[in-house]
Protein backbone atom coordinates (compact mmCIF):
# COMPACT_ATOMS: atom_id res chain seq x y z
CA UNK A 1 51.06 -116.33 2.80
CA UNK A 2 49.59 -114.04 0.32
CA UNK A 3 46.57 -113.42 2.74
CA UNK A 4 49.11 -112.52 5.45
CA UNK A 5 50.76 -109.92 3.36
CA UNK A 6 47.50 -108.43 2.40
CA UNK A 7 46.59 -108.34 6.09
CA UNK A 8 49.70 -106.72 7.09
CA UNK A 9 49.30 -104.06 4.30
CA UNK A 10 45.90 -103.31 5.52
CA UNK A 11 47.12 -102.84 9.10
CA UNK A 12 49.97 -100.59 7.94
CA UNK A 13 47.42 -98.46 5.97
CA UNK A 14 45.15 -98.14 8.97
CA UNK A 15 48.22 -97.08 11.12
CA UNK A 16 49.10 -94.47 8.31
CA UNK A 17 45.64 -93.09 8.26
CA UNK A 18 45.33 -93.07 12.07
CA UNK A 19 48.77 -91.12 12.29
CA UNK A 20 47.57 -88.67 9.55
CA UNK A 21 44.44 -88.05 11.47
CA UNK A 22 46.29 -87.47 14.66
CA UNK A 23 48.75 -84.96 12.95
CA UNK A 24 45.95 -83.21 11.25
CA UNK A 25 43.95 -82.75 14.36
CA UNK A 26 47.08 -81.40 16.19
CA UNK A 27 47.82 -78.89 13.39
CA UNK A 28 44.25 -77.73 13.20
CA UNK A 29 44.64 -75.96 16.57
CA UNK A 30 47.80 -74.01 15.24
CA UNK A 31 45.80 -72.63 12.03
CA UNK A 32 45.06 -68.85 12.09
CA UNK A 33 42.93 -66.57 10.13
CA UNK A 34 45.82 -65.50 7.92
CA UNK A 35 44.36 -67.51 4.83
CA UNK A 36 42.25 -65.43 2.64
CA UNK A 37 38.76 -67.26 2.23
CA UNK A 38 37.90 -64.59 -0.61
CA UNK A 39 40.86 -66.01 -2.77
CA UNK A 40 40.06 -69.56 -2.03
CA UNK A 41 39.35 -71.42 -5.22
CA UNK A 42 38.80 -75.17 -6.08
CA UNK A 43 42.24 -76.83 -6.61
CA UNK A 44 40.96 -80.02 -8.30
CA UNK A 45 40.23 -78.69 -11.88
CA UNK A 46 42.42 -75.52 -12.59
CA UNK A 47 41.32 -73.64 -15.64
CA UNK A 48 43.37 -73.61 -18.78
CA UNK A 49 45.60 -70.65 -19.37
CA UNK A 50 43.15 -69.05 -21.83
CA UNK A 51 40.30 -69.20 -19.31
CA UNK A 52 42.40 -67.36 -16.82
CA UNK A 53 43.47 -63.77 -17.06
CA UNK A 54 45.25 -63.20 -20.29
CA UNK A 55 48.78 -61.80 -20.25
CA UNK A 56 49.69 -58.42 -21.60
CA UNK A 57 51.64 -60.08 -24.38
CA UNK A 58 48.62 -62.24 -25.39
CA UNK A 59 46.29 -59.30 -25.25
CA UNK A 60 48.58 -57.06 -27.52
CA UNK A 61 48.80 -59.95 -29.94
CA UNK A 62 45.05 -60.07 -30.10
CA UNK A 63 44.72 -56.43 -30.38
CA UNK A 64 47.19 -56.57 -33.34
CA UNK A 65 45.08 -59.06 -35.11
CA UNK A 66 41.77 -57.16 -34.63
CA UNK A 67 43.49 -53.90 -35.75
CA UNK A 68 44.32 -55.73 -39.06
CA UNK A 69 40.86 -57.07 -39.76
CA UNK A 70 38.63 -54.60 -38.10
CA UNK A 71 40.28 -51.14 -37.18
CA UNK A 72 37.13 -49.67 -36.03
CA UNK A 73 36.69 -52.42 -33.50
CA UNK A 74 40.10 -52.14 -32.38
CA UNK A 75 39.71 -48.35 -31.70
CA UNK A 76 36.69 -49.01 -29.56
CA UNK A 77 38.51 -51.56 -27.56
CA UNK A 78 41.39 -49.20 -27.08
CA UNK A 79 39.06 -46.75 -25.67
CA UNK A 80 37.34 -49.32 -23.45
CA UNK A 81 40.78 -50.39 -22.15
CA UNK A 82 41.36 -46.98 -20.70
CA UNK A 83 37.76 -46.66 -19.21
CA UNK A 84 36.95 -50.18 -17.95
CA UNK A 85 39.85 -52.67 -17.88
CA UNK A 86 37.62 -55.54 -16.76
CA UNK A 87 34.99 -55.14 -19.51
CA UNK A 88 37.91 -54.66 -21.93
CA UNK A 89 39.28 -58.00 -21.11
CA UNK A 90 35.86 -59.64 -21.41
CA UNK A 91 35.44 -58.05 -24.89
CA UNK A 92 38.92 -58.93 -26.17
CA UNK A 93 38.06 -62.62 -25.46
CA UNK A 94 34.76 -62.24 -27.36
CA UNK A 95 35.99 -60.07 -30.26
CA UNK A 96 39.41 -61.57 -30.46
CA UNK A 97 38.39 -65.29 -30.75
CA UNK A 98 40.16 -65.96 -34.03
CA UNK A 99 43.38 -64.65 -32.71
CA UNK A 100 42.92 -66.55 -29.48
CA UNK A 101 42.02 -69.74 -31.39
CA UNK A 102 45.43 -69.27 -33.41
CA UNK A 103 47.42 -68.80 -30.30
CA UNK A 104 45.98 -71.88 -28.67
CA UNK A 105 46.73 -73.97 -31.91
CA UNK A 106 50.30 -72.71 -31.93
CA UNK A 107 50.87 -73.63 -28.07
CA UNK A 108 49.43 -76.99 -28.59
CA UNK A 109 51.71 -77.52 -31.55
CA UNK A 110 54.75 -76.38 -29.60
CA UNK A 111 53.86 -78.77 -26.86
CA UNK A 112 53.54 -81.62 -29.44
CA UNK A 113 56.90 -80.91 -30.99
CA UNK A 114 58.46 -80.72 -27.48
CA UNK A 115 56.92 -84.09 -26.65
CA UNK A 116 58.12 -85.69 -29.84
CA UNK A 117 61.70 -84.45 -29.45
CA UNK A 118 61.78 -85.79 -25.89
CA UNK A 119 60.49 -89.05 -27.13
CA UNK A 120 63.14 -89.36 -29.84
CA UNK A 121 65.89 -88.58 -27.27
CA UNK A 122 64.37 -91.30 -25.04
CA UNK A 123 64.31 -93.69 -28.03
CA UNK A 124 67.95 -92.92 -28.75
CA UNK A 125 68.97 -93.75 -25.29
CA UNK A 126 66.90 -96.86 -24.91
CA UNK A 127 66.32 -98.34 -28.38
CA UNK A 128 69.19 -96.77 -30.49
CA UNK A 129 68.68 -98.99 -33.50
CA UNK A 130 65.01 -97.60 -33.87
CA UNK A 131 66.25 -94.12 -33.50
CA UNK A 132 68.92 -94.51 -36.13
CA UNK A 133 66.44 -95.92 -38.57
CA UNK A 134 64.09 -92.92 -37.91
CA UNK A 135 66.90 -90.35 -38.25
CA UNK A 136 67.81 -91.81 -41.77
CA UNK A 137 64.34 -91.40 -42.96
CA UNK A 138 64.01 -87.79 -41.77
CA UNK A 139 65.74 -86.45 -44.78
CA UNK A 140 65.07 -89.16 -47.37
CA UNK A 141 61.36 -89.41 -47.00
CA UNK A 142 59.35 -87.04 -44.76
CA UNK A 143 56.19 -88.83 -45.01
CA UNK A 144 57.69 -92.18 -44.46
CA UNK A 145 59.44 -90.69 -41.36
CA UNK A 146 56.15 -89.46 -40.06
CA UNK A 147 54.47 -92.83 -40.59
CA UNK A 148 57.41 -94.57 -38.83
CA UNK A 149 57.49 -92.12 -36.02
CA UNK A 150 53.65 -92.73 -35.40
CA UNK A 151 54.34 -96.48 -35.42
CA UNK A 152 57.18 -96.21 -32.92
CA UNK A 153 55.22 -93.80 -30.60
CA UNK A 154 52.31 -96.37 -30.60
CA UNK A 155 54.61 -99.23 -30.00
CA UNK A 156 56.97 -97.60 -27.33
CA UNK A 157 54.86 -94.73 -26.21
CA UNK A 158 53.40 -96.37 -23.26
CA UNK A 159 56.93 -97.48 -21.96
CA UNK A 160 58.21 -93.90 -22.41
CA UNK A 161 55.43 -92.31 -20.35
CA UNK A 162 55.85 -94.86 -17.54
CA UNK A 163 59.53 -94.45 -17.80
CA UNK A 164 59.21 -90.69 -17.50
CA UNK A 165 56.87 -90.84 -14.46
CA UNK A 166 58.05 -93.81 -12.75
CA UNK A 167 61.45 -95.30 -13.84
CA UNK A 168 60.95 -98.54 -11.91
CA UNK A 169 57.81 -99.38 -13.92
CA UNK A 170 59.69 -98.29 -17.05
CA UNK A 171 62.31 -100.95 -16.39
CA UNK A 172 59.61 -103.62 -15.85
CA UNK A 173 57.74 -102.64 -19.01
CA UNK A 174 60.91 -102.71 -21.10
CA UNK A 175 61.86 -106.26 -19.89
CA UNK A 176 58.25 -107.42 -20.20
CA UNK A 177 58.32 -106.23 -23.87
CA UNK A 178 61.59 -108.10 -24.63
CA UNK A 179 60.07 -111.33 -23.01
CA UNK A 180 56.83 -111.09 -25.00
CA UNK A 181 58.99 -110.80 -28.21
CA UNK A 182 61.09 -113.74 -27.06
CA UNK A 183 57.93 -115.83 -26.32
CA UNK A 184 56.47 -114.94 -29.62
CA UNK A 185 59.74 -116.11 -31.42
CA UNK A 186 59.76 -119.41 -29.35
CA UNK A 187 56.25 -120.14 -30.38
CA UNK A 188 56.92 -119.63 -34.10
CA UNK A 189 59.90 -121.97 -33.83
CA UNK A 190 57.96 -124.73 -31.92
CA UNK A 191 55.32 -124.72 -34.70
CA UNK A 192 57.77 -125.23 -37.37
CA UNK A 193 60.35 -127.35 -35.71
CA UNK A 194 60.32 -131.08 -36.90
CA UNK A 195 62.52 -132.54 -34.24
CA UNK A 196 60.61 -133.66 -31.09
CA UNK A 197 63.68 -133.31 -28.94
CA UNK A 198 64.28 -129.62 -30.21
CA UNK A 199 60.57 -128.83 -29.48
CA UNK A 200 60.96 -130.08 -26.05
CA UNK A 201 64.12 -127.96 -25.46
CA UNK A 202 62.30 -124.99 -26.98
CA UNK A 203 59.32 -125.68 -24.84
CA UNK A 204 61.23 -125.58 -21.61
CA UNK A 205 62.85 -122.23 -22.62
CA UNK A 206 59.25 -120.94 -23.46
CA UNK A 207 58.08 -122.19 -19.98
CA UNK A 208 60.97 -120.25 -18.33
CA UNK A 209 60.24 -116.98 -20.22
CA UNK A 210 56.47 -117.27 -19.42
CA UNK A 211 57.37 -117.74 -15.85
CA UNK A 212 59.56 -114.57 -16.00
CA UNK A 213 56.68 -112.59 -17.58
CA UNK A 214 54.45 -113.67 -14.77
CA UNK A 215 56.68 -112.42 -12.14
CA UNK A 216 57.03 -109.14 -14.11
CA UNK A 217 53.31 -108.84 -14.39
CA UNK A 218 52.93 -109.38 -10.61
CA UNK A 219 55.55 -106.67 -9.96
CA UNK A 220 53.79 -104.25 -12.29
CA UNK A 221 50.60 -104.74 -10.27
CA UNK A 222 52.60 -104.20 -7.04
CA UNK A 223 54.11 -100.97 -8.37
CA UNK A 224 50.63 -99.80 -9.45
CA UNK A 225 49.26 -100.79 -5.88
CA UNK A 226 52.12 -98.84 -4.17
CA UNK A 227 51.16 -95.69 -6.38
CA UNK A 228 47.62 -95.96 -5.19
CA UNK A 229 48.71 -96.25 -1.57
CA UNK A 230 50.75 -93.02 -2.04
CA UNK A 231 47.79 -91.24 -3.73
CA UNK A 232 45.43 -92.60 -0.91
CA UNK A 233 47.75 -91.10 1.68
CA UNK A 234 47.81 -87.64 -0.25
CA UNK A 235 44.12 -87.70 -0.47
CA UNK A 236 43.66 -88.65 3.09
CA UNK A 237 45.84 -85.72 4.08
CA UNK A 238 43.87 -83.33 1.93
CA UNK A 239 40.59 -84.46 3.35
CA UNK A 240 41.81 -83.72 6.80
CA UNK A 241 43.15 -80.42 5.94
CA UNK A 242 39.95 -79.42 4.21
CA UNK A 243 37.79 -80.66 7.18
CA UNK A 244 39.93 -78.61 9.61
CA UNK A 245 39.80 -75.67 7.35
CA UNK A 246 35.95 -75.84 7.12
CA UNK A 247 35.80 -76.03 11.09
CA UNK A 248 37.87 -72.78 11.25
CA UNK A 249 35.79 -70.81 8.69
CA UNK A 250 32.50 -71.83 10.45
CA UNK A 251 33.67 -70.00 13.57
CA UNK A 252 31.30 -67.07 14.00
CA UNK A 253 34.02 -64.72 15.29
CA UNK A 254 36.19 -65.49 12.21
CA UNK A 255 33.32 -65.09 9.89
CA UNK A 256 32.55 -61.58 11.31
CA UNK A 257 36.27 -60.48 11.11
CA UNK A 258 36.54 -61.66 7.62
CA UNK A 259 33.24 -60.06 6.38
CA UNK A 260 34.32 -56.86 8.04
CA UNK A 261 37.65 -56.86 6.30
CA UNK A 262 36.18 -57.62 2.93
CA UNK A 263 33.62 -54.89 3.15
CA UNK A 264 36.42 -52.34 4.20
CA UNK A 265 38.65 -53.62 1.28
CA UNK A 266 35.77 -53.27 -1.31
CA UNK A 267 34.74 -49.87 -0.11
CA UNK A 268 38.53 -48.52 0.33
CA UNK A 269 37.75 -48.14 4.17
CA UNK A 270 35.09 -45.50 3.38
CA UNK A 271 32.20 -47.40 4.86
CA UNK A 272 31.95 -47.27 8.59
CA UNK A 273 29.11 -48.96 10.65
CA UNK A 274 28.77 -50.82 13.97
CA UNK A 275 29.13 -54.63 14.36
CA UNK A 276 27.17 -56.67 16.85
């Protein structure tokens, strides 16, 4: 039975890939040269915000910091800002590294506090007793609050992350955690129970709990498998789109048109020459 289900899933996946290939091949003929190849950048690993162009607010803050610690350097940068904005931004990154590091630290701290606040709200909704205990500690003992928060984050964090990204997985993990606690409790009772009859009763209950955990583990793997299938479909679509795009850009006429337009853009239309 399990082999049959796997076979059906593989057949379905093959049909999905085949359908995606057909749709992509049809869509490729409809693509035009409206896309700008000169602005095309890798999408897999986008740079961090501080590696991209700095905003005016960030630059102004960096300049204020430089002004306080090195007025002469700030004056030179102001002059460069008027003459050569591109070099100015490069120099700001180099000369304003202390200020930029401080801005990065503040942003990371802000994100950490936002994440912690969201986790506490989630804890309140899903494990209210734990949240109540944590709230009482906040004013009484800040250090004990931090230690308790870290413990709760370590204990429930993986469930929170799963519940946030995939609610179904979150439900499974919550139930699995409850069953694990129940199994541990039953094991302790069986070890200390003197009555054979009660041990047999507890053993039967433990067997039922373990069976339910088994089903949950299988369901957890099924959910992970379904997520992989969705990712595989998305990757297959991206692969086909990338292949079709490369085919278009390899066209000699499209290449010549794009090179011509780029030269005209870079020279403000002042350069004129004949093309083959």
